[in-house]
Amino acid sequence: MVAKGRLDYLADTMEGALLRNAGERILIKAATVTEKLPDDLKVQHPEVDWTGINRMRNLVAHHYDKVNDDLLWTALSVRIPRLVKDLGIQR
């Protein structure tokens, strides 16, 4: 989804709307998974903003009218890939 690029993601088109919707779903799923991680793993990674991840999920899931598409793009293109790398779960 991020491979399409920021301009396509933010475009005021049907494709842009679909990409943003998919991005919201990805963020919700990623945050739901991190919420279920064992506490001892979270303690081993203090560099991860666990609370921020949960807050972003709640914002996207419950207050979607307040979602900032630029911030969501940054989460999808930078923060989630960094989280994957920090946790050592890159493929």
Protein backbone atom coordinates (compact mmCIF):
# COMPACT_ATOMS: atom_id res chain seq x y z
CA MET A 1 0.00 0.00 0.00
CA VAL A 2 2.78 2.46 0.82
CA ALA A 3 4.49 1.45 -2.41
CA LYS A 4 1.85 3.44 -4.30
CA GLY A 5 3.35 6.59 -2.80
CA ARG A 6 2.25 9.49 -0.66
CA LEU A 7 0.61 11.46 -3.47
CA ASP A 8 -1.63 8.53 -4.45
CA TYR A 9 -2.40 7.90 -0.77
CA LEU A 10 -3.47 11.50 -0.18
CA ALA A 11 -5.19 11.97 -3.55
CA ASP A 12 -8.81 13.10 -3.53
CA THR A 13 -9.83 10.15 -5.67
CA MET A 14 -11.57 6.83 -5.16
CA GLU A 15 -8.17 5.10 -5.19
CA GLY A 16 -6.85 7.55 -2.57
CA ALA A 17 -9.88 6.90 -0.37
CA LEU A 18 -9.36 3.14 -0.70
CA LEU A 19 -5.67 3.47 0.16
CA ARG A 20 -6.45 5.60 3.24
CA ASN A 21 -9.11 3.12 4.33
CA ALA A 22 -6.65 0.24 3.90
CA GLY A 23 -4.03 2.21 5.82
CA GLU A 24 -6.38 2.72 8.73
CA ARG A 25 -7.15 -0.99 8.81
CA ILE A 26 -3.44 -1.87 8.73
CA LEU A 27 -2.73 0.48 11.61
CA ILE A 28 -5.59 -0.94 13.68
CA LYS A 29 -4.40 -4.51 13.07
CA ALA A 30 -0.77 -3.70 13.85
CA ALA A 31 -1.73 -1.95 17.09
CA THR A 32 -4.03 -4.80 18.10
CA VAL A 33 -1.17 -7.26 17.65
CA THR A 34 1.24 -5.12 19.69
CA GLU A 35 -1.34 -4.81 22.45
CA LYS A 36 -1.30 -8.59 22.84
CA LEU A 37 2.48 -8.91 23.04
CA PRO A 38 3.85 -10.21 26.35
CA ASP A 39 4.77 -7.54 28.88
CA ASP A 40 8.31 -8.90 29.22
CA LEU A 41 8.88 -8.28 25.49
CA LYS A 42 7.62 -4.72 25.85
CA VAL A 43 9.97 -4.14 28.78
CA GLN A 44 12.87 -5.32 26.59
CA HIS A 45 12.01 -2.59 24.08
CA PRO A 46 11.63 0.70 25.98
CA GLU A 47 12.42 2.59 22.75
CA VAL A 48 8.97 1.65 21.43
CA ASP A 49 6.14 4.03 22.29
CA TRP A 50 3.67 1.32 23.29
CA THR A 51 1.20 3.83 24.73
CA GLY A 52 1.36 5.96 21.59
CA ILE A 53 0.62 2.93 19.42
CA ASN A 54 -2.48 2.19 21.47
CA ARG A 55 -3.61 5.82 21.39
CA MET A 56 -3.22 5.98 17.62
CA ARG A 57 -5.27 2.81 17.28
CA ASN A 58 -8.03 4.24 19.45
CA LEU A 59 -8.05 7.46 17.47
CA VAL A 60 -8.31 5.66 14.13
CA ALA A 61 -10.87 3.12 15.37
CA HIS A 62 -13.14 5.42 17.36
CA HIS A 63 -12.55 8.99 16.21
CA TYR A 64 -11.94 8.47 12.51
CA ASP A 65 -13.30 11.96 11.77
CA LYS A 66 -10.23 13.37 13.54
CA VAL A 67 -7.63 11.25 11.74
CA ASN A 68 -4.85 13.30 10.17
CA ASP A 69 -3.95 11.60 6.89
CA ASP A 70 -0.40 12.98 6.94
CA LEU A 71 0.23 11.53 10.41
CA LEU A 72 -1.26 8.22 9.39
CA TRP A 73 0.97 8.17 6.30
CA THR A 74 4.01 8.72 8.54
CA ALA A 75 2.91 5.89 10.82
CA LEU A 76 2.50 3.54 7.85
CA SER A 77 5.62 4.52 5.94
CA VAL A 78 8.05 5.16 8.81
CA ARG A 79 6.87 4.12 12.26
CA ILE A 80 5.46 0.65 11.54
CA PRO A 81 8.49 -0.40 9.46
CA ARG A 82 10.76 0.90 12.25
CA LEU A 83 8.76 -1.07 14.82
CA VAL A 84 9.13 -4.23 12.77
CA LYS A 85 12.89 -3.63 12.57
CA ASP A 86 13.24 -2.78 16.29
CA LEU A 87 11.43 -5.96 17.27
CA GLY A 88 13.55 -8.02 14.89
CA ILE A 89 10.61 -9.43 12.97
CA GLN A 90 11.62 -8.26 9.51
CA ARG A 91 11.36 -10.81 6.74
